[in-house]
């Protein structure tokens, strides 16, 4: 509730109001306590107050009991007793609904939330896929190659196409981007398939969420309360926490620097916050700490909701100036240490021992400390949290369906689109390469056939030339033999006549003819 321009969140045991200052509310906060101690009520009271101030709010509905904010609270004997005890009636307390937009990563219980693979980035995606360091490096290379070539990564189909490109052409990319193991690429591909089976593929696609759609107020000026149904999403703790971290990163990158404001531009409640830091690699943890430190200068307040303050790393916990600690139970030595650590995070109140009070708190009770005007934390006080003005508990399916489809944002995100991206671009590239390869093979085969035909023609021409040469040689030989025989015969006749008369003439002629033919044959060989 708002009172005197401040967030009235609780009363002390003496009945004094306890406030959070709007201009200090972007210094972040912590709501902690065991299950069933009243964390959800505290969250709702704060969210309602921010909405009343005109500040948009985001929160995750892990148990399905927050969506009731879109309906007015229901009166009861218990509520009347609390209204009387807090003196709420004199300050305008009344049951009413709050402007609420319901969202769902799976698109079943709210407006579909999507982002692109490229927008998620390799660091967060590696966490979702549970990749080791080498695989994360290769995924980063895949993003770099896709970016360098203008291959847009919108959905898991695009990512698988990109990974397949890497596996098939890893040697071609090695010189410029480094060694790429096919085995590691295969491991990433299997992780992507597992993500699809778990339903994560519905989260990646277009149109992607424009985070500026959350920075809205209704017609009366109340801040819109955006509720993400997380009952199914929480089953995959890594996807849940990484999705919320992505939203923080989007806000951080989208929002301009505004410095200190009189009230936040938006407040973000991170339920089950321990999941964000569970098994988180050091580079990502450093990123989280950086975002938490710097995002308040952009007017964004972050409130972590968890069971135990020890769930939050010291570097992040140190940034949380507004704290509400519900009961913790110390059944073991480890629990006792947790209670002591929680107590020591508050500014001591000499009136009581904080650790003892934390153990004895009832439902709806807490110890709390909020930042004062000068930025220092107030002394810790035992407080009683105010009741919410909206309905406690969930909503039925008919109410939910009406709320979802009546939202102005429903039509913007309801239908998925599949623009030209890496899958289509790489498919065209592969087809062009296949055509080029087939053309090259055809041209090579044609060239080979032509060379074969030319060789055959040359060989045939050579044979014809040899035949012609042999024919001419035989003709020359025939003429030469005839001439040689005639000449030899005449010479032989003359010699034979001188030696042996007519008989000698005949014998000499025959012998001369044979000698001259033989000599000619010897010369023509």
Protein backbone atom coordinates (compact mmCIF):
# COMPACT_ATOMS: atom_id res chain seq x y z
CA UNK A 1 0.00 0.00 0.00
CA UNK A 2 1.04 3.59 -0.50
CA UNK A 3 0.94 5.97 2.44
CA UNK A 4 2.32 9.48 2.44
CA UNK A 5 4.05 8.77 -0.88
CA UNK A 6 5.94 5.81 0.57
CA UNK A 7 5.53 2.04 0.31
CA UNK A 8 3.80 0.87 3.47
CA UNK A 9 4.78 -2.76 3.76
CA UNK A 10 4.41 -3.66 7.45
CA UNK A 11 3.89 -2.52 11.02
CA UNK A 12 6.16 -2.98 14.02
CA UNK A 13 5.04 -4.75 17.19
CA UNK A 14 4.21 -1.29 18.55
CA UNK A 15 1.93 -0.63 15.59
CA UNK A 16 4.27 1.85 13.89
CA UNK A 17 4.26 1.74 10.07
CA UNK A 18 7.38 0.44 8.29
CA UNK A 19 8.12 1.98 4.90
CA UNK A 20 10.28 1.44 1.87
CA UNK A 21 11.26 4.68 0.16
CA UNK A 22 10.40 4.67 -3.57
CA UNK A 23 13.65 6.42 -4.53
CA UNK A 24 15.63 3.70 -2.71
CA UNK A 25 13.67 0.79 -4.11
CA UNK A 26 15.92 0.43 -7.15
CA UNK A 27 18.79 -0.40 -4.76
CA UNK A 28 17.51 -3.96 -4.96
CA UNK A 29 16.27 -6.26 -2.22
CA UNK A 30 15.95 -9.70 -0.70
CA UNK A 31 12.89 -11.62 0.49
CA UNK A 32 13.97 -14.78 2.28
CA UNK A 33 12.47 -17.42 4.52
CA UNK A 34 11.47 -21.05 4.79
CA UNK A 35 8.55 -22.48 2.84
CA UNK A 36 5.18 -21.36 4.18
CA UNK A 37 6.44 -18.36 6.16
CA UNK A 38 4.85 -15.66 4.00
CA UNK A 39 7.33 -14.78 1.25
CA UNK A 40 4.62 -14.78 -1.43
CA UNK A 41 2.44 -12.35 0.54
CA UNK A 42 5.40 -9.99 0.98
CA UNK A 43 6.13 -10.20 -2.73
CA UNK A 44 2.50 -9.42 -3.60
CA UNK A 45 2.28 -6.46 -1.23
CA UNK A 46 5.42 -4.97 -2.75
CA UNK A 47 4.28 -5.66 -6.32
CA UNK A 48 0.89 -4.05 -5.66
CA UNK A 49 2.57 -0.99 -4.16
CA UNK A 50 4.88 -0.56 -7.14
CA UNK A 51 1.91 -0.88 -9.49
CA UNK A 52 0.03 1.76 -7.49
CA UNK A 53 3.04 4.05 -8.01
CA UNK A 54 2.86 3.54 -11.77
CA UNK A 55 5.89 1.24 -11.82
CA UNK A 56 5.69 -1.87 -14.07
CA UNK A 57 6.53 -5.14 -12.34
CA UNK A 58 7.74 -8.54 -13.50
CA UNK A 59 7.47 -11.66 -11.38
CA UNK A 60 7.54 -15.42 -11.90
CA UNK A 61 4.60 -17.53 -10.74
CA UNK A 62 6.32 -20.73 -9.66
CA UNK A 63 3.41 -22.25 -7.68
CA UNK A 64 0.46 -20.78 -9.59
CA UNK A 65 -0.69 -18.64 -6.67
CA UNK A 66 0.30 -15.19 -7.93
CA UNK A 67 -1.95 -14.94 -10.97
CA UNK A 68 -4.80 -14.07 -8.59
CA UNK A 69 -3.54 -10.49 -8.74
CA UNK A 70 -5.78 -9.91 -11.74
CA UNK A 71 -8.81 -10.41 -9.47
CA UNK A 72 -9.93 -8.45 -6.39
CA UNK A 73 -9.28 -9.92 -2.96
CA UNK A 74 -11.98 -11.83 -1.14
CA UNK A 75 -13.17 -10.70 2.29
CA UNK A 76 -13.02 -13.08 5.23
CA UNK A 77 -13.01 -13.04 9.00
CA UNK A 78 -9.26 -13.35 9.06
CA UNK A 79 -8.87 -10.47 6.60
CA UNK A 80 -11.19 -8.27 8.66
CA UNK A 81 -9.13 -8.97 11.74
CA UNK A 82 -5.93 -7.99 9.93
CA UNK A 83 -7.49 -4.86 8.42
CA UNK A 84 -8.57 -3.77 11.90
CA UNK A 85 -5.21 -4.62 13.51
CA UNK A 86 -3.24 -2.61 10.94
CA UNK A 87 -5.76 0.24 10.82
CA UNK A 88 -5.97 -0.17 7.06
CA UNK A 89 -9.54 1.05 6.63
CA UNK A 90 -8.61 4.59 7.66
CA UNK A 91 -5.95 4.69 4.95
CA UNK A 92 -8.09 3.62 2.02
CA UNK A 93 -7.53 -0.13 1.96
CA UNK A 94 -9.96 -1.84 -0.40
CA UNK A 95 -10.02 -5.04 -2.42
CA UNK A 96 -9.29 -4.55 -6.09
CA UNK A 97 -7.67 -6.19 -9.05
CA UNK A 98 -4.41 -5.09 -10.65
CA UNK A 99 -3.58 -4.66 -14.34
CA UNK A 100 -1.95 -7.97 -15.19
CA UNK A 101 -0.49 -9.58 -18.30
CA UNK A 102 0.12 -13.32 -18.24
CA UNK A 103 3.07 -14.86 -20.07
CA UNK A 104 4.32 -18.40 -20.68
CA UNK A 105 7.47 -19.71 -22.35
CA UNK A 106 5.42 -22.68 -23.61
CA UNK A 107 2.48 -20.52 -24.75
CA UNK A 108 -0.12 -22.55 -22.80
CA UNK A 109 -0.99 -20.41 -19.79
CA UNK A 110 -0.03 -17.02 -21.10
CA UNK A 111 1.15 -15.03 -24.08
CA UNK A 112 3.98 -16.81 -25.85
CA UNK A 113 7.42 -15.54 -24.86
CA UNK A 114 10.16 -16.01 -27.44
CA UNK A 115 13.67 -14.87 -28.09
CA UNK A 116 16.12 -15.69 -30.85
CA UNK A 117 19.15 -17.94 -30.52
CA UNK A 118 21.36 -14.99 -31.51
CA UNK A 119 19.80 -12.74 -28.90
CA UNK A 120 20.30 -15.32 -26.17
CA UNK A 121 24.01 -15.47 -27.06
CA UNK A 122 26.56 -18.28 -26.63
CA UNK A 123 27.27 -17.68 -22.93
CA UNK A 124 23.68 -18.13 -21.72
CA UNK A 125 22.90 -20.79 -24.31
CA UNK A 126 25.91 -22.84 -23.15
CA UNK A 127 24.41 -22.84 -19.67
CA UNK A 128 21.03 -24.01 -20.92
CA UNK A 129 22.70 -26.79 -22.93
CA UNK A 130 25.00 -27.70 -20.01
CA UNK A 131 28.12 -27.56 -22.19
CA UNK A 132 31.67 -27.95 -20.95
CA UNK A 133 34.33 -25.31 -21.58
CA UNK A 134 35.53 -26.73 -24.91
CA UNK A 135 32.00 -27.13 -26.22
CA UNK A 136 31.15 -23.60 -25.11
CA UNK A 137 34.15 -22.29 -27.06
CA UNK A 138 33.01 -24.13 -30.19
CA UNK A 139 29.49 -22.77 -29.77
CA UNK A 140 30.99 -19.28 -29.58
CA UNK A 141 32.86 -19.99 -32.83
CA UNK A 142 29.57 -21.10 -34.42
CA UNK A 143 27.98 -17.78 -33.45
CA UNK A 144 30.99 -15.88 -34.82
CA UNK A 145 30.92 -17.69 -38.18
CA UNK A 146 27.16 -17.18 -38.47
CA UNK A 147 27.59 -13.48 -37.71
CA UNK A 148 30.44 -13.06 -40.18
CA UNK A 149 28.37 -14.63 -42.97
CA UNK A 150 25.02 -13.03 -42.17
CA UNK A 151 23.43 -16.37 -41.28
CA UNK A 152 20.74 -15.35 -38.80
CA UNK A 153 20.16 -17.74 -35.87
CA UNK A 154 16.53 -17.43 -34.83
CA UNK A 155 15.45 -20.91 -33.73
CA UNK A 156 16.88 -24.33 -32.94
CA UNK A 157 16.45 -25.34 -36.59
CA UNK A 158 18.89 -22.57 -37.52
CA UNK A 159 21.31 -23.59 -34.79
CA UNK A 160 21.32 -27.24 -35.89
CA UNK A 161 21.92 -26.18 -39.50
CA UNK A 162 24.85 -24.04 -38.36
CA UNK A 163 26.33 -26.87 -36.29
CA UNK A 164 25.97 -29.24 -39.25
CA UNK A 165 27.81 -26.71 -41.42
CA UNK A 166 30.63 -26.67 -38.86
CA UNK A 167 30.84 -30.46 -38.70
CA UNK A 168 30.95 -30.94 -42.48
CA UNK A 169 33.39 -28.10 -43.19
CA UNK A 170 35.44 -27.93 -40.00
CA UNK A 171 38.76 -28.09 -41.87
CA UNK A 172 37.76 -25.15 -44.08
CA UNK A 173 37.12 -22.98 -41.01
CA UNK A 174 40.10 -24.15 -38.95
CA UNK A 175 42.64 -21.72 -40.46
CA UNK A 176 40.60 -18.62 -39.52
CA UNK A 177 38.66 -19.72 -36.44
CA UNK A 178 40.77 -22.47 -34.90
CA UNK A 179 40.41 -26.22 -34.59
CA UNK A 180 36.82 -27.48 -34.49
CA UNK A 181 36.31 -31.03 -33.24
CA UNK A 182 33.54 -32.97 -34.94
CA UNK A 183 33.03 -34.91 -31.69
CA UNK A 184 32.41 -31.69 -29.74
CA UNK A 185 30.05 -30.39 -32.41
CA UNK A 186 28.18 -33.70 -32.19
CA UNK A 187 27.85 -33.31 -28.40
CA UNK A 188 26.36 -29.83 -28.86
CA UNK A 189 23.93 -31.16 -31.47
CA UNK A 190 22.73 -33.84 -29.03
CA UNK A 191 22.23 -31.21 -26.33
CA UNK A 192 20.13 -29.11 -28.72
CA UNK A 193 17.95 -32.12 -29.51
CA UNK A 194 17.49 -32.77 -25.78
CA UNK A 195 16.44 -29.13 -25.33
CA UNK A 196 13.85 -29.52 -28.10
CA UNK A 197 12.46 -32.65 -26.49
CA UNK A 198 12.07 -30.73 -23.22
CA UNK A 199 10.05 -28.07 -25.07
CA UNK A 200 12.76 -25.44 -25.09
CA UNK A 201 12.48 -25.04 -28.85
CA UNK A 202 9.18 -23.19 -28.32
CA UNK A 203 11.08 -20.44 -26.54
CA UNK A 204 13.41 -19.79 -29.48
CA UNK A 205 11.87 -18.17 -32.52
CA UNK A 206 10.15 -15.10 -33.90
CA UNK A 207 8.61 -12.71 -33.15
CA UNK A 208 10.90 -12.27 -30.18
CA UNK A 209 9.87 -10.39 -27.06
CA UNK A 210 10.39 -6.65 -27.15
CA UNK A 211 11.25 -5.92 -23.53
CA UNK A 212 9.92 -2.39 -23.96
CA UNK A 213 6.41 -3.86 -24.11
CA UNK A 214 6.77 -4.46 -20.37
CA UNK A 215 7.40 -0.82 -19.52
CA UNK A 216 3.70 0.06 -19.64
CA UNK A 217 0.92 1.38 -17.42
CA UNK A 218 -2.85 0.99 -17.73
CA UNK A 219 -5.37 3.74 -18.47
CA UNK A 220 -5.49 4.73 -14.80
CA UNK A 221 -1.72 5.04 -14.54
CA UNK A 222 -1.09 1.84 -12.60
CA UNK A 223 2.02 -0.10 -13.55
CA UNK A 224 1.37 -3.28 -15.51
CA UNK A 225 2.18 -6.46 -13.57
CA UNK A 226 3.71 -9.05 -15.89
CA UNK A 227 3.43 -12.59 -14.53
CA UNK A 228 5.38 -15.46 -16.10
CA UNK A 229 3.71 -18.81 -15.49
CA UNK A 230 6.61 -20.96 -14.34
CA UNK A 231 4.89 -24.06 -13.00
CA UNK A 232 6.20 -26.15 -15.90
CA UNK A 233 9.31 -24.10 -16.56
CA UNK A 234 10.60 -24.61 -13.02
CA UNK A 235 10.98 -28.33 -13.79
CA UNK A 236 13.97 -27.29 -15.87
CA UNK A 237 15.75 -25.11 -13.32
CA UNK A 238 18.55 -24.19 -15.69
CA UNK A 239 16.19 -23.01 -18.43
CA UNK A 240 14.09 -21.10 -15.88
CA UNK A 241 16.99 -19.23 -14.31
CA UNK A 242 18.76 -18.59 -17.62
CA UNK A 243 15.56 -17.21 -19.11
CA UNK A 244 15.17 -14.75 -16.24
CA UNK A 245 18.83 -13.79 -16.49
CA UNK A 246 18.31 -13.17 -20.21
CA UNK A 247 15.48 -10.79 -19.36
CA UNK A 248 17.71 -8.92 -16.93
CA UNK A 249 20.38 -8.67 -19.61
CA UNK A 250 17.79 -7.39 -22.10
CA UNK A 251 16.66 -4.71 -19.67
CA UNK A 252 20.27 -3.78 -18.95
CA UNK A 253 21.13 -3.47 -22.65
CA UNK A 254 17.88 -1.76 -23.65
CA UNK A 255 17.37 0.81 -20.93
CA UNK A 256 19.30 4.10 -20.98
CA UNK A 257 21.24 5.48 -18.03
CA UNK A 258 18.94 7.57 -15.85
CA UNK A 259 20.80 7.91 -12.57
CA UNK A 260 18.80 8.26 -9.34
CA UNK A 261 15.06 8.59 -9.88
CA UNK A 262 12.20 9.32 -7.50
CA UNK A 263 10.87 5.84 -8.31
CA UNK A 264 12.07 2.90 -10.43
CA UNK A 265 11.21 2.49 -14.08
CA UNK A 266 10.59 -1.22 -13.47
CA UNK A 267 10.96 -3.78 -10.69
CA UNK A 268 11.93 -7.39 -11.29
CA UNK A 269 11.21 -10.18 -8.76
CA UNK A 270 13.35 -13.30 -9.14
CA UNK A 271 11.64 -16.20 -7.31
CA UNK A 272 13.59 -19.39 -6.52
CA UNK A 273 16.71 -17.27 -6.88
CA UNK A 274 19.02 -20.06 -5.73
CA UNK A 275 18.59 -21.64 -9.18
CA UNK A 276 20.34 -18.68 -10.77
CA UNK A 277 23.55 -19.38 -8.90
CA UNK A 278 23.49 -23.18 -8.80
CA UNK A 279 26.46 -24.67 -10.68
CA UNK A 280 26.99 -21.33 -12.40
CA UNK A 281 30.35 -21.03 -14.24
CA UNK A 282 32.58 -18.19 -13.15
CA UNK A 283 32.21 -16.05 -16.33
CA UNK A 284 28.42 -16.12 -16.00
CA UNK A 285 28.52 -15.40 -12.28
CA UNK A 286 30.70 -12.37 -12.99
CA UNK A 287 28.16 -11.23 -15.59
CA UNK A 288 25.31 -11.56 -13.07
CA UNK A 289 27.19 -9.52 -10.48
CA UNK A 290 27.96 -6.86 -13.08
CA UNK A 291 24.33 -6.61 -14.17
CA UNK A 292 23.09 -6.35 -10.57
CA UNK A 293 25.62 -3.63 -9.79
CA UNK A 294 24.99 -1.50 -12.86
CA UNK A 295 21.32 -1.98 -13.68
CA UNK A 296 20.10 0.19 -10.82
CA UNK A 297 21.57 3.22 -12.62
CA UNK A 298 19.06 2.42 -15.38
CA UNK A 299 16.15 2.62 -12.97
CA UNK A 300 15.64 -1.14 -12.56
CA UNK A 301 15.16 -2.72 -9.14
CA UNK A 302 15.84 -6.44 -8.63
CA UNK A 303 14.40 -8.42 -5.72
CA UNK A 304 15.65 -11.94 -5.09
CA UNK A 305 13.19 -14.34 -3.43
CA UNK A 306 14.71 -17.44 -1.88
CA UNK A 307 14.62 -19.63 1.21
CA UNK A 308 18.07 -18.88 2.58
CA UNK A 309 20.27 -15.78 2.15
CA UNK A 310 23.21 -18.15 1.76
CA UNK A 311 21.78 -19.01 -1.67
CA UNK A 312 22.97 -15.60 -2.88
CA UNK A 313 26.72 -15.05 -3.52
CA UNK A 314 28.34 -12.39 -1.32
CA UNK A 315 29.10 -10.16 -4.31
CA UNK A 316 25.38 -10.01 -5.15
CA UNK A 317 24.11 -10.01 -1.56
CA UNK A 318 26.15 -6.88 -0.86
CA UNK A 319 24.08 -5.02 -3.48
CA UNK A 320 20.72 -5.80 -1.82
CA UNK A 321 19.88 -2.83 0.37
CA UNK A 322 16.24 -3.66 1.25
CA UNK A 323 15.73 -6.91 3.18
CA UNK A 324 12.77 -8.84 4.51
CA UNK A 325 13.70 -12.01 6.38
CA UNK A 326 10.92 -14.45 7.29
CA UNK A 327 11.40 -17.39 9.62
CA UNK A 328 14.27 -19.83 9.31
CA UNK A 329 14.35 -23.10 11.21
CA UNK A 330 17.62 -24.22 12.80
CA UNK A 331 17.39 -27.99 13.07
CA UNK A 332 21.05 -28.74 12.28
CA UNK A 333 24.41 -27.04 12.89
CA UNK A 334 24.37 -25.94 9.25
CA UNK A 335 20.91 -24.39 9.77
CA UNK A 336 22.17 -22.59 12.87
CA UNK A 337 25.00 -21.09 10.85
CA UNK A 338 22.50 -19.96 8.22
CA UNK A 339 20.35 -18.22 10.83
CA UNK A 340 23.40 -16.53 12.33
CA UNK A 341 24.59 -15.38 8.87
CA UNK A 342 21.12 -14.01 8.09
CA UNK A 343 21.01 -12.13 11.38
CA UNK A 344 24.47 -10.64 10.88
CA UNK A 345 23.44 -9.17 7.50
CA UNK A 346 21.16 -6.69 9.35
CA UNK A 347 22.01 -3.55 11.28
CA UNK A 348 21.71 -4.61 14.91
CA UNK A 349 18.79 -3.56 17.07
CA UNK A 350 19.76 -3.38 20.76
CA UNK A 351 16.19 -4.28 21.74
CA UNK A 352 16.50 -7.94 20.69
CA UNK A 353 18.80 -10.62 19.41
CA UNK A 354 18.06 -10.92 15.71
CA UNK A 355 19.00 -14.60 15.36
CA UNK A 356 16.58 -15.60 18.13
CA UNK A 357 13.76 -13.60 16.56
CA UNK A 358 14.32 -15.14 13.11
CA UNK A 359 13.87 -18.62 14.58
CA UNK A 360 10.68 -17.68 16.45
CA UNK A 361 8.84 -15.79 13.67
CA UNK A 362 5.32 -16.91 12.73
CA UNK A 363 3.66 -16.84 9.31
CA UNK A 364 3.38 -13.28 8.02
CA UNK A 365 6.01 -12.05 10.46
CA UNK A 366 9.53 -11.00 9.53
CA UNK A 367 12.56 -8.98 10.47
CA UNK A 368 13.16 -6.17 8.01
CA UNK A 369 15.48 -3.32 7.19
CA UNK A 370 15.11 -0.75 4.41
CA UNK A 371 17.40 1.95 3.09
CA UNK A 372 16.91 5.39 4.61
CA UNK A 373 17.11 8.82 2.98
CA UNK A 374 20.89 8.91 3.30
CA UNK A 375 21.26 5.45 1.74
CA UNK A 376 22.14 3.65 4.96
CA UNK A 377 20.10 0.65 6.17
CA UNK A 378 17.68 1.16 9.00
CA UNK A 379 17.98 -0.73 12.27
CA UNK A 380 16.37 -4.16 11.94
CA UNK A 381 12.79 -4.38 13.19
CA UNK A 382 10.44 -7.23 13.86
CA UNK A 383 7.43 -6.53 11.62
CA UNK A 384 4.03 -7.85 10.61
CA UNK A 385 3.45 -7.82 6.84
CA UNK A 386 0.29 -6.14 5.52
CA UNK A 387 -2.27 -8.22 3.60
CA UNK A 388 -2.56 -7.85 -0.18
CA UNK A 389 -5.53 -6.15 -1.80
CA UNK A 390 -5.79 -8.62 -4.68
CA UNK A 391 -6.94 -12.21 -4.54
CA UNK A 392 -4.78 -14.77 -2.81
CA UNK A 393 -4.29 -17.99 -4.76
CA UNK A 394 -4.66 -18.97 -8.39
CA UNK A 395 -7.29 -18.47 -11.06
CA UNK A 396 -9.42 -20.87 -13.10
CA UNK A 397 -8.71 -21.64 -16.74
CA UNK A 398 -11.63 -19.59 -18.09
CA UNK A 399 -10.45 -16.45 -16.30
CA UNK A 400 -6.90 -17.08 -17.45
CA UNK A 401 -7.91 -17.62 -21.07
CA UNK A 402 -9.96 -14.41 -21.09
CA UNK A 403 -7.12 -12.44 -19.53
CA UNK A 404 -4.59 -13.75 -22.05
CA UNK A 405 -6.65 -13.18 -25.19
CA UNK A 406 -7.92 -9.76 -24.12
CA UNK A 407 -4.39 -8.40 -23.78
CA UNK A 408 -3.32 -5.90 -26.43
CA UNK A 409 -0.07 -7.84 -26.77
CA UNK A 410 -1.67 -11.20 -27.50
CA UNK A 411 -2.01 -10.69 -31.26
CA UNK A 412 1.56 -9.42 -31.51
CA UNK A 413 3.10 -12.64 -30.19
CA UNK A 414 0.44 -15.31 -30.74
CA UNK A 415 1.54 -16.52 -34.17
CA UNK A 416 5.09 -17.71 -34.76
CA UNK A 417 6.86 -16.65 -37.96
CA UNK A 418 9.80 -18.27 -39.70
CA UNK A 419 11.81 -15.62 -41.55
CA UNK A 420 14.69 -16.31 -43.92
CA UNK A 421 17.56 -17.33 -41.67
CA UNK A 422 20.53 -19.69 -41.28
CA UNK A 423 18.54 -22.84 -42.09
CA UNK A 424 17.27 -21.48 -45.41
CA UNK A 425 20.52 -19.68 -46.25
CA UNK A 426 22.68 -22.75 -45.61
CA UNK A 427 20.21 -24.93 -47.51
CA UNK A 428 20.57 -22.64 -50.54
CA UNK A 429 24.33 -22.62 -50.11
CA UNK A 430 24.43 -26.42 -50.03
CA UNK A 431 22.16 -26.66 -53.07
CA UNK A 432 24.31 -24.18 -54.99
CA UNK A 433 27.43 -26.11 -54.02
CA UNK A 434 25.76 -29.37 -55.09
CA UNK A 435 24.79 -27.85 -58.46
CA UNK A 436 28.30 -26.44 -58.90
CA UNK A 437 29.80 -29.82 -58.01
CA UNK A 438 27.49 -31.63 -60.44
CA UNK A 439 28.26 -29.08 -63.16
CA UNK A 440 31.99 -29.46 -62.55
CA UNK A 441 31.66 -33.25 -62.79
CA UNK A 442 29.70 -32.95 -66.03
CA UNK A 443 32.24 -30.54 -67.48
CA UNK A 444 35.11 -32.81 -66.39
CA UNK A 445 33.37 -35.82 -67.94
CA UNK A 446 32.72 -33.86 -71.16
CA UNK A 447 36.33 -32.70 -71.29
CA UNK A 448 37.52 -36.25 -70.70
CA UNK A 449 35.25 -37.55 -73.47
CA UNK A 450 36.41 -34.82 -75.82
CA UNK A 451 40.05 -35.60 -75.07
CA UNK A 452 39.34 -39.28 -75.64
CA UNK A 453 37.66 -38.55 -78.96
CA UNK A 454 40.46 -36.22 -80.00
CA UNK A 455 43.04 -38.88 -79.09
CA UNK A 456 41.12 -41.47 -81.08
CA UNK A 457 40.89 -39.13 -84.07
CA UNK A 458 44.60 -38.38 -83.86
CA UNK A 459 45.39 -42.08 -83.68
CA UNK A 460 43.14 -42.76 -86.68
CA UNK A 461 44.80 -39.96 -88.61
CA UNK A 462 48.18 -41.38 -87.70
CA UNK A 463 47.14 -44.82 -88.95
CA UNK A 464 45.91 -43.30 -92.21
CA UNK A 465 49.17 -41.43 -92.59
CA UNK A 466 51.13 -44.62 -91.99
CA UNK A 467 48.96 -46.49 -94.49
CA UNK A 468 49.51 -43.76 -97.07
CA UNK A 469 53.24 -43.78 -96.44
CA UNK A 470 53.35 -47.57 -96.77
CA UNK A 471 51.31 -47.41 -99.98
CA UNK A 472 53.65 -44.87 -101.46
CA UNK A 473 56.61 -46.87 -100.28
CA UNK A 474 55.23 -50.03 -101.90
CA UNK A 475 54.50 -48.15 -105.11
CA UNK A 476 57.96 -46.68 -105.16
CA UNK A 477 59.40 -50.06 -104.38
CA UNK A 478 57.41 -51.67 -107.21
CA UNK A 479 58.50 -49.07 -109.73
CA UNK A 480 62.04 -49.20 -108.45
CA UNK A 481 62.13 -52.97 -108.63
CA UNK A 482 60.91 -52.91 -112.23
CA UNK A 483 63.42 -50.27 -113.23
CA UNK A 484 66.22 -51.94 -111.28
CA UNK A 485 65.36 -55.27 -112.88
CA UNK A 486 65.35 -53.76 -116.36
CA UNK A 487 68.60 -51.89 -115.78
CA UNK A 488 70.22 -54.92 -114.16
CA UNK A 489 69.06 -57.19 -116.96
CA UNK A 490 70.57 -54.92 -119.63
CA UNK A 491 73.83 -54.58 -117.77
CA UNK A 492 73.92 -58.35 -117.20
CA UNK A 493 73.26 -59.10 -120.85
CA UNK A 494 76.14 -56.94 -121.96
CA UNK A 495 78.54 -58.47 -119.47
CA UNK A 496 77.27 -62.02 -120.15
CA UNK A 497 77.55 -61.63 -123.95
CA UNK A 498 81.15 -60.58 -123.69
CA UNK A 499 81.92 -63.54 -121.48
CA UNK A 500 79.71 -66.30 -122.81
CA UNK A 501 78.01 -65.37 -126.01
CA UNK A 502 74.28 -65.81 -126.31
CA UNK A 503 74.05 -68.15 -123.34
CA UNK A 504 76.09 -65.80 -121.28
CA UNK A 505 73.89 -62.97 -122.42
CA UNK A 506 70.73 -64.71 -121.13
CA UNK A 507 72.35 -65.80 -117.87
CA UNK A 508 73.89 -62.38 -117.31
CA UNK A 509 70.56 -60.66 -117.91
CA UNK A 510 68.76 -62.79 -115.33
CA UNK A 511 71.55 -62.48 -112.81
CA UNK A 512 71.83 -58.68 -113.30
CA UNK A 513 68.11 -58.24 -112.81
CA UNK A 514 68.19 -60.14 -109.51
CA UNK A 515 71.30 -58.32 -108.27
CA UNK A 516 69.85 -54.86 -108.96
CA UNK A 517 66.46 -55.74 -107.41
CA UNK A 518 68.20 -57.03 -104.29
CA UNK A 519 70.33 -53.92 -104.02
CA UNK A 520 67.25 -51.68 -104.39
CA UNK A 521 65.38 -53.63 -101.70
CA UNK A 522 68.34 -53.21 -99.37
CA UNK A 523 68.38 -49.45 -99.96
CA UNK A 524 64.58 -49.07 -99.46
CA UNK A 525 64.42 -50.87 -96.13
